[in-house]
Amino acid sequence: MTHISICVGSACHLRGAQDVLLAFINLIEKYQVAGKIDLEGNFCRGQCTKGVVIKINDEIITNVTKERVYDIFREKVLEGDFS
């Protein structure tokens, strides 16, 4: 199972965390992989100046925007250790 955690703390919220979360939800639905992905919101990862901050499995990814979500999803989930 792939674990995706999106920071929804105040700094990330102001930088578009809601849009990032919705983009991931839409891709999970589009590719019908809901049973293989654990998606959650969390608070502060201590990198507030680099938000939106997400974590996929053990990898922290910073400066995430809704425009970057598809590329991240494709690389880390669809082409990654997703099987």
PDB file of N, CA and C in Angstrom:
ATOM      1  N   MET A   1       0.844  -1.176   0.000  1.00  0.00           N
ATOM      2  CA  MET A   1       0.000   0.000   0.000  1.00  0.00           C
ATOM      3  C   MET A   1       0.894   1.245   0.000  1.00  0.00           C
ATOM      4  N   THR A   2       0.520   2.201  -0.795  1.00  0.00           N
ATOM      5  CA  THR A   2       1.234   3.478  -0.843  1.00  0.00           C
ATOM      6  C   THR A   2       0.571   4.442   0.121  1.00  0.00           C
ATOM      7  N   HIS A   3       1.375   5.086   0.942  1.00  0.00           N
ATOM      8  CA  HIS A   3       0.865   6.036   1.928  1.00  0.00           C
ATOM      9  C   HIS A   3       1.211   7.455   1.480  1.00  0.00           C
ATOM     10  N   ILE A   4       0.179   8.289   1.318  1.00  0.00           N
ATOM     11  CA  ILE A   4       0.369   9.688   0.938  1.00  0.00           C
ATOM     12  C   ILE A   4      -0.189  10.564   2.045  1.00  0.00           C
ATOM     13  N   SER A   5       0.659  11.437   2.564  1.00  0.00           N
ATOM     14  CA  SER A   5       0.271  12.348   3.634  1.00  0.00           C
ATOM     15  C   SER A   5       0.499  13.776   3.167  1.00  0.00           C
ATOM     16  N   ILE A   6      -0.522  14.604   3.297  1.00  0.00           N
ATOM     17  CA  ILE A   6      -0.453  15.989   2.829  1.00  0.00           C
ATOM     18  C   ILE A   6      -0.596  16.920   4.022  1.00  0.00           C
ATOM     19  N   CYS A   7       0.355  17.827   4.180  1.00  0.00           N
ATOM     20  CA  CYS A   7       0.282  18.792   5.271  1.00  0.00           C
ATOM     21  C   CYS A   7      -0.864  19.764   5.004  1.00  0.00           C
ATOM     22  N   VAL A   8      -1.716  19.930   6.001  1.00  0.00           N
ATOM     23  CA  VAL A   8      -2.826  20.872   5.914  1.00  0.00           C
ATOM     24  C   VAL A   8      -2.719  21.928   7.012  1.00  0.00           C
ATOM     25  N   GLY A   9      -1.516  22.079   7.556  1.00  0.00           N
ATOM     26  CA  GLY A   9      -1.272  23.111   8.558  1.00  0.00           C
ATOM     27  C   GLY A   9      -1.420  24.497   7.942  1.00  0.00           C
ATOM     28  N   SER A  10      -1.362  25.516   8.762  1.00  0.00           N
ATOM     29  CA  SER A  10      -1.689  26.872   8.299  1.00  0.00           C
ATOM     30  C   SER A  10      -0.810  27.351   7.142  1.00  0.00           C
ATOM     31  N   ALA A  11       0.493  27.153   7.200  1.00  0.00           N
ATOM     32  CA  ALA A  11       1.369  27.627   6.120  1.00  0.00           C
ATOM     33  C   ALA A  11       1.078  26.882   4.820  1.00  0.00           C
ATOM     34  N   CYS A  12       0.930  25.571   4.895  1.00  0.00           N
ATOM     35  CA  CYS A  12       0.630  24.789   3.685  1.00  0.00           C
ATOM     36  C   CYS A  12      -0.782  25.084   3.188  1.00  0.00           C
ATOM     37  N   HIS A  13      -1.700  25.289   4.121  1.00  0.00           N
ATOM     38  CA  HIS A  13      -3.068  25.643   3.732  1.00  0.00           C
ATOM     39  C   HIS A  13      -3.065  26.921   2.888  1.00  0.00           C
ATOM     40  N   LEU A  14      -2.323  27.910   3.339  1.00  0.00           N
ATOM     41  CA  LEU A  14      -2.252  29.176   2.616  1.00  0.00           C
ATOM     42  C   LEU A  14      -1.580  29.027   1.250  1.00  0.00           C
ATOM     43  N   ARG A  15      -0.772  27.994   1.084  1.00  0.00           N
ATOM     44  CA  ARG A  15      -0.072  27.774  -0.191  1.00  0.00           C
ATOM     45  C   ARG A  15      -0.809  26.792  -1.105  1.00  0.00           C
ATOM     46  N   GLY A  16      -2.020  26.380  -0.715  1.00  0.00           N
ATOM     47  CA  GLY A  16      -2.825  25.561  -1.624  1.00  0.00           C
ATOM     48  C   GLY A  16      -2.962  24.096  -1.273  1.00  0.00           C
ATOM     49  N   ALA A  17      -2.819  23.734  -0.011  1.00  0.00           N
ATOM     50  CA  ALA A  17      -2.922  22.330   0.392  1.00  0.00           C
ATOM     51  C   ALA A  17      -4.261  21.714  -0.016  1.00  0.00           C
ATOM     52  N   GLN A  18      -5.336  22.474   0.075  1.00  0.00           N
ATOM     53  CA  GLN A  18      -6.656  21.957  -0.296  1.00  0.00           C
ATOM     54  C   GLN A  18      -6.688  21.567  -1.775  1.00  0.00           C
ATOM     55  N   ASP A  19      -6.111  22.394  -2.628  1.00  0.00           N
ATOM     56  CA  ASP A  19      -6.059  22.077  -4.058  1.00  0.00           C
ATOM     57  C   ASP A  19      -5.201  20.843  -4.328  1.00  0.00           C
ATOM     58  N   VAL A  20      -4.099  20.710  -3.604  1.00  0.00           N
ATOM     59  CA  VAL A  20      -3.222  19.544  -3.747  1.00  0.00           C
ATOM     60  C   VAL A  20      -3.973  18.284  -3.312  1.00  0.00           C
ATOM     61  N   LEU A  21      -4.659  18.365  -2.188  1.00  0.00           N
ATOM     62  CA  LEU A  21      -5.429  17.227  -1.687  1.00  0.00           C
ATOM     63  C   LEU A  21      -6.498  16.818  -2.696  1.00  0.00           C
ATOM     64  N   LEU A  22      -7.243  17.771  -3.216  1.00  0.00           N
ATOM     65  CA  LEU A  22      -8.285  17.465  -4.204  1.00  0.00           C
ATOM     66  C   LEU A  22      -7.703  16.873  -5.485  1.00  0.00           C
ATOM     67  N   ALA A  23      -6.532  17.350  -5.900  1.00  0.00           N
ATOM     68  CA  ALA A  23      -5.885  16.798  -7.086  1.00  0.00           C
ATOM     69  C   ALA A  23      -5.522  15.329  -6.877  1.00  0.00           C
ATOM     70  N   PHE A  24      -4.998  14.995  -5.693  1.00  0.00           N
ATOM     71  CA  PHE A  24      -4.693  13.589  -5.397  1.00  0.00           C
ATOM     72  C   PHE A  24      -5.962  12.752  -5.361  1.00  0.00           C
ATOM     73  N   ILE A  25      -7.020  13.256  -4.753  1.00  0.00           N
ATOM     74  CA  ILE A  25      -8.289  12.527  -4.694  1.00  0.00           C
ATOM     75  C   ILE A  25      -8.792  12.254  -6.106  1.00  0.00           C
ATOM     76  N   ASN A  26      -8.740  13.255  -6.965  1.00  0.00           N
ATOM     77  CA  ASN A  26      -9.204  13.077  -8.344  1.00  0.00           C
ATOM     78  C   ASN A  26      -8.389  12.029  -9.097  1.00  0.00           C
ATOM     79  N   LEU A  27      -7.072  12.023  -8.904  1.00  0.00           N
ATOM     80  CA  LEU A  27      -6.231  11.024  -9.587  1.00  0.00           C
ATOM     81  C   LEU A  27      -6.471   9.622  -9.041  1.00  0.00           C
ATOM     82  N   ILE A  28      -6.662   9.514  -7.745  1.00  0.00           N
ATOM     83  CA  ILE A  28      -6.955   8.206  -7.138  1.00  0.00           C
ATOM     84  C   ILE A  28      -8.255   7.650  -7.708  1.00  0.00           C
ATOM     85  N   GLU A  29      -9.254   8.509  -7.848  1.00  0.00           N
ATOM     86  CA  GLU A  29     -10.523   8.080  -8.438  1.00  0.00           C
ATOM     87  C   GLU A  29     -10.362   7.763  -9.920  1.00  0.00           C
ATOM     88  N   LYS A  30      -9.658   8.614 -10.648  1.00  0.00           N
ATOM     89  CA  LYS A  30      -9.477   8.423 -12.087  1.00  0.00           C
ATOM     90  C   LYS A  30      -8.809   7.093 -12.407  1.00  0.00           C
ATOM     91  N   TYR A  31      -7.782   6.749 -11.648  1.00  0.00           N
ATOM     92  CA  TYR A  31      -7.033   5.515 -11.900  1.00  0.00           C
ATOM     93  C   TYR A  31      -7.552   4.333 -11.087  1.00  0.00           C
ATOM     94  N   GLN A  32      -8.639   4.534 -10.352  1.00  0.00           N
ATOM     95  CA  GLN A  32      -9.322   3.477  -9.591  1.00  0.00           C
ATOM     96  C   GLN A  32      -8.362   2.696  -8.705  1.00  0.00           C
ATOM     97  N   VAL A  33      -7.601   3.431  -7.896  1.00  0.00           N
ATOM     98  CA  VAL A  33      -6.608   2.795  -7.027  1.00  0.00           C
ATOM     99  C   VAL A  33      -6.872   3.084  -5.541  1.00  0.00           C
ATOM    100  N   ALA A  34      -8.114   3.397  -5.219  1.00  0.00           N
ATOM    101  CA  ALA A  34      -8.445   3.771  -3.840  1.00  0.00           C
ATOM    102  C   ALA A  34      -8.040   2.701  -2.832  1.00  0.00           C
ATOM    103  N   GLY A  35      -8.175   1.436  -3.174  1.00  0.00           N
ATOM    104  CA  GLY A  35      -7.841   0.360  -2.250  1.00  0.00           C
ATOM    105  C   GLY A  35      -6.349   0.140  -2.058  1.00  0.00           C
ATOM    106  N   LYS A  36      -5.534   0.821  -2.869  1.00  0.00           N
ATOM    107  CA  LYS A  36      -4.089   0.633  -2.799  1.00  0.00           C
ATOM    108  C   LYS A  36      -3.359   1.853  -2.261  1.00  0.00           C
ATOM    109  N   ILE A  37      -4.127   2.900  -1.927  1.00  0.00           N
ATOM    110  CA  ILE A  37      -3.514   4.131  -1.445  1.00  0.00           C
ATOM    111  C   ILE A  37      -4.168   4.564  -0.151  1.00  0.00           C
ATOM    112  N   ASP A  38      -3.346   4.889   0.815  1.00  0.00           N
ATOM    113  CA  ASP A  38      -3.798   5.450   2.078  1.00  0.00           C
ATOM    114  C   ASP A  38      -3.495   6.944   2.021  1.00  0.00           C
ATOM    115  N   LEU A  39      -4.518   7.782   1.894  1.00  0.00           N
ATOM    116  CA  LEU A  39      -4.367   9.226   1.761  1.00  0.00           C
ATOM    117  C   LEU A  39      -4.854   9.891   3.034  1.00  0.00           C
ATOM    118  N   GLU A  40      -4.023  10.777   3.588  1.00  0.00           N
ATOM    119  CA  GLU A  40      -4.426  11.469   4.810  1.00  0.00           C
ATOM    120  C   GLU A  40      -3.859  12.880   4.844  1.00  0.00           C
ATOM    121  N   GLY A  41      -4.497  13.706   5.637  1.00  0.00           N
ATOM    122  CA  GLY A  41      -3.970  15.027   5.934  1.00  0.00           C
ATOM    123  C   GLY A  41      -3.230  14.967   7.255  1.00  0.00           C
ATOM    124  N   ASN A  42      -2.254  15.814   7.424  1.00  0.00           N
ATOM    125  CA  ASN A  42      -1.521  15.875   8.683  1.00  0.00           C
ATOM    126  C   ASN A  42      -1.135  17.328   8.937  1.00  0.00           C
ATOM    127  N   PHE A  43      -0.598  17.579  10.094  1.00  0.00           N
ATOM    128  CA  PHE A  43      -0.156  18.925  10.424  1.00  0.00           C
ATOM    129  C   PHE A  43       1.352  18.977  10.472  1.00  0.00           C
ATOM    130  N   CYS A  44       1.883  20.108  10.311  1.00  0.00           N
ATOM    131  CA  CYS A  44       3.272  20.527  10.236  1.00  0.00           C
ATOM    132  C   CYS A  44       4.332  19.429  10.225  1.00  0.00           C
ATOM    133  N   ARG A  45       5.132  19.481   9.184  1.00  0.00           N
ATOM    134  CA  ARG A  45       6.315  18.620   9.053  1.00  0.00           C
ATOM    135  C   ARG A  45       7.576  19.409   9.344  1.00  0.00           C
ATOM    136  N   GLY A  46       7.414  20.643   9.837  1.00  0.00           N
ATOM    137  CA  GLY A  46       8.564  21.459  10.203  1.00  0.00           C
ATOM    138  C   GLY A  46       9.275  22.104   9.028  1.00  0.00           C
ATOM    139  N   GLN A  47       8.623  22.142   7.876  1.00  0.00           N
ATOM    140  CA  GLN A  47       9.230  22.743   6.683  1.00  0.00           C
ATOM    141  C   GLN A  47       8.263  23.763   6.091  1.00  0.00           C
ATOM    142  N   CYS A  48       7.747  24.613   6.949  1.00  0.00           N
ATOM    143  CA  CYS A  48       6.668  25.532   6.578  1.00  0.00           C
ATOM    144  C   CYS A  48       7.035  26.480   5.445  1.00  0.00           C
ATOM    145  N   THR A  49       8.291  26.837   5.322  1.00  0.00           N
ATOM    146  CA  THR A  49       8.681  27.747   4.244  1.00  0.00           C
ATOM    147  C   THR A  49       8.770  27.033   2.898  1.00  0.00           C
ATOM    148  N   LYS A  50       8.613  25.710   2.908  1.00  0.00           N
ATOM    149  CA  LYS A  50       8.722  24.923   1.673  1.00  0.00           C
ATOM    150  C   LYS A  50       7.393  24.271   1.291  1.00  0.00           C
ATOM    151  N   GLY A  51       6.294  24.762   1.818  1.00  0.00           N
ATOM    152  CA  GLY A  51       4.990  24.142   1.601  1.00  0.00           C
ATOM    153  C   GLY A  51       4.482  24.349   0.198  1.00  0.00           C
ATOM    154  N   VAL A  52       3.588  23.578  -0.220  1.00  0.00           N
ATOM    155  CA  VAL A  52       2.886  22.486   0.417  1.00  0.00           C
ATOM    156  C   VAL A  52       3.847  21.307   0.516  1.00  0.00           C
ATOM    157  N   VAL A  53       3.841  20.674   1.690  1.00  0.00           N
ATOM    158  CA  VAL A  53       4.725  19.544   1.944  1.00  0.00           C
ATOM    159  C   VAL A  53       3.889  18.268   1.955  1.00  0.00           C
ATOM    160  N   ILE A  54       4.341  17.260   1.212  1.00  0.00           N
ATOM    161  CA  ILE A  54       3.692  15.963   1.237  1.00  0.00           C
ATOM    162  C   ILE A  54       4.735  14.895   1.562  1.00  0.00           C
ATOM    163  N   LYS A  55       4.229  13.753   1.961  1.00  0.00           N
ATOM    164  CA  LYS A  55       5.104  12.610   2.204  1.00  0.00           C
ATOM    165  C   LYS A  55       4.478  11.410   1.508  1.00  0.00           C
ATOM    166  N   ILE A  56       5.255  10.759   0.658  1.00  0.00           N
ATOM    167  CA  ILE A  56       4.814   9.531   0.009  1.00  0.00           C
ATOM    168  C   ILE A  56       5.712   8.426   0.521  1.00  0.00           C
ATOM    169  N   ASN A  57       5.099   7.511   1.233  1.00  0.00           N
ATOM    170  CA  ASN A  57       5.820   6.477   1.974  1.00  0.00           C
ATOM    171  C   ASN A  57       6.844   7.175   2.872  1.00  0.00           C
ATOM    172  N   ASP A  58       8.130   7.034   2.636  1.00  0.00           N
ATOM    173  CA  ASP A  58       9.130   7.664   3.499  1.00  0.00           C
ATOM    174  C   ASP A  58       9.778   8.895   2.879  1.00  0.00           C
ATOM    175  N   GLU A  59       9.306   9.321   1.718  1.00  0.00           N
ATOM    176  CA  GLU A  59       9.929  10.440   1.012  1.00  0.00           C
ATOM    177  C   GLU A  59       9.124  11.727   1.196  1.00  0.00           C
ATOM    178  N   ILE A  60       9.783  12.756   1.687  1.00  0.00           N
ATOM    179  CA  ILE A  60       9.155  14.066   1.835  1.00  0.00           C
ATOM    180  C   ILE A  60       9.412  14.863   0.561  1.00  0.00           C
ATOM    181  N   ILE A  61       8.348  15.473   0.037  1.00  0.00           N
ATOM    182  CA  ILE A  61       8.427  16.278  -1.170  1.00  0.00           C
ATOM    183  C   ILE A  61       7.895  17.665  -0.828  1.00  0.00           C
ATOM    184  N   THR A  62       8.662  18.693  -1.157  1.00  0.00           N
ATOM    185  CA  THR A  62       8.291  20.059  -0.804  1.00  0.00           C
ATOM    186  C   THR A  62       7.885  20.860  -2.034  1.00  0.00           C
ATOM    187  N   ASN A  63       7.330  22.034  -1.770  1.00  0.00           N
ATOM    188  CA  ASN A  63       6.911  22.959  -2.827  1.00  0.00           C
ATOM    189  C   ASN A  63       5.952  22.316  -3.825  1.00  0.00           C
ATOM    190  N   VAL A  64       5.022  21.521  -3.322  1.00  0.00           N
ATOM    191  CA  VAL A  64       4.055  20.846  -4.172  1.00  0.00           C
ATOM    192  C   VAL A  64       2.913  21.815  -4.496  1.00  0.00           C
ATOM    193  N   THR A  65       2.558  21.858  -5.758  1.00  0.00           N
ATOM    194  CA  THR A  65       1.412  22.633  -6.216  1.00  0.00           C
ATOM    195  C   THR A  65       0.453  21.676  -6.911  1.00  0.00           C
ATOM    196  N   LYS A  66      -0.781  22.131  -7.113  1.00  0.00           N
ATOM    197  CA  LYS A  66      -1.731  21.262  -7.815  1.00  0.00           C
ATOM    198  C   LYS A  66      -1.241  20.941  -9.217  1.00  0.00           C
ATOM    199  N   GLU A  67      -0.466  21.847  -9.813  1.00  0.00           N
ATOM    200  CA  GLU A  67       0.078  21.607 -11.150  1.00  0.00           C
ATOM    201  C   GLU A  67       1.136  20.502 -11.161  1.00  0.00           C
ATOM    202  N   ARG A  68       1.795  20.287 -10.039  1.00  0.00           N
ATOM    203  CA  ARG A  68       2.841  19.246  -9.957  1.00  0.00           C
ATOM    204  C   ARG A  68       2.293  17.880  -9.550  1.00  0.00           C
ATOM    205  N   VAL A  69       1.057  17.845  -9.064  1.00  0.00           N
ATOM    206  CA  VAL A  69       0.522  16.606  -8.494  1.00  0.00           C
ATOM    207  C   VAL A  69       0.525  15.460  -9.497  1.00  0.00           C
ATOM    208  N   TYR A  70       0.089  15.689 -10.733  1.00  0.00           N
ATOM    209  CA  TYR A  70       0.029  14.595 -11.698  1.00  0.00           C
ATOM    210  C   TYR A  70       1.408  13.982 -11.924  1.00  0.00           C
ATOM    211  N   ASP A  71       2.417  14.807 -12.119  1.00  0.00           N
ATOM    212  CA  ASP A  71       3.772  14.284 -12.351  1.00  0.00           C
ATOM    213  C   ASP A  71       4.273  13.508 -11.146  1.00  0.00           C
ATOM    214  N   ILE A  72       4.017  14.011  -9.955  1.00  0.00           N
ATOM    215  CA  ILE A  72       4.419  13.308  -8.733  1.00  0.00           C
ATOM    216  C   ILE A  72       3.678  11.984  -8.627  1.00  0.00           C
ATOM    217  N   PHE A  73       2.379  11.999  -8.868  1.00  0.00           N
ATOM    218  CA  PHE A  73       1.553  10.789  -8.790  1.00  0.00           C
ATOM    219  C   PHE A  73       2.033   9.749  -9.801  1.00  0.00           C
ATOM    220  N   ARG A  74       2.278  10.200 -11.025  1.00  0.00           N
ATOM    221  CA  ARG A  74       2.743   9.278 -12.072  1.00  0.00           C
ATOM    222  C   ARG A  74       4.081   8.651 -11.687  1.00  0.00           C
ATOM    223  N   GLU A  75       5.023   9.500 -11.262  1.00  0.00           N
ATOM    224  CA  GLU A  75       6.360   9.017 -10.960  1.00  0.00           C
ATOM    225  C   GLU A  75       6.417   8.165  -9.693  1.00  0.00           C
ATOM    226  N   LYS A  76       5.783   8.625  -8.639  1.00  0.00           N
ATOM    227  CA  LYS A  76       5.927   7.980  -7.334  1.00  0.00           C
ATOM    228  C   LYS A  76       4.906   6.880  -7.083  1.00  0.00           C
ATOM    229  N   VAL A  77       3.765   6.964  -7.738  1.00  0.00           N
ATOM    230  CA  VAL A  77       2.715   5.988  -7.478  1.00  0.00           C
ATOM    231  C   VAL A  77       2.548   5.032  -8.674  1.00  0.00           C
ATOM    232  N   LEU A  78       2.198   5.559  -9.810  1.00  0.00           N
ATOM    233  CA  LEU A  78       1.907   4.685 -10.962  1.00  0.00           C
ATOM    234  C   LEU A  78       3.145   3.968 -11.484  1.00  0.00           C
ATOM    235  N   GLU A  79       4.306   4.659 -11.504  1.00  0.00           N
ATOM    236  CA  GLU A  79       5.525   4.033 -12.023  1.00  0.00           C
ATOM    237  C   GLU A  79       6.445   3.561 -10.900  1.00  0.00           C
ATOM    238  N   GLY A  80       6.095   3.885  -9.676  1.00  0.00           N
ATOM    239  CA  GLY A  80       6.967   3.575  -8.539  1.00  0.00           C
ATOM    240  C   GLY A  80       6.721   2.194  -7.980  1.00  0.00           C
ATOM    241  N   ASP A  81       6.911   2.083  -6.696  1.00  0.00           N
ATOM    242  CA  ASP A  81       6.756   0.797  -5.996  1.00  0.00           C
ATOM    243  C   ASP A  81       5.297   0.551  -5.651  1.00  0.00           C
ATOM    244  N   PHE A  82       4.447   0.669  -6.625  1.00  0.00           N
ATOM    245  CA  PHE A  82       3.015   0.676  -6.397  1.00  0.00           C
ATOM    246  C   PHE A  82       2.383  -0.700  -6.428  1.00  0.00           C
ATOM    247  N   SER A  83       3.036  -1.647  -6.983  1.00  0.00           N
ATOM    248  CA  SER A  83       2.430  -2.955  -7.251  1.00  0.00           C
ATOM    249  C   SER A  83       1.887  -3.658  -6.049  1.00  0.00           C
TER     250      SER A  83
END
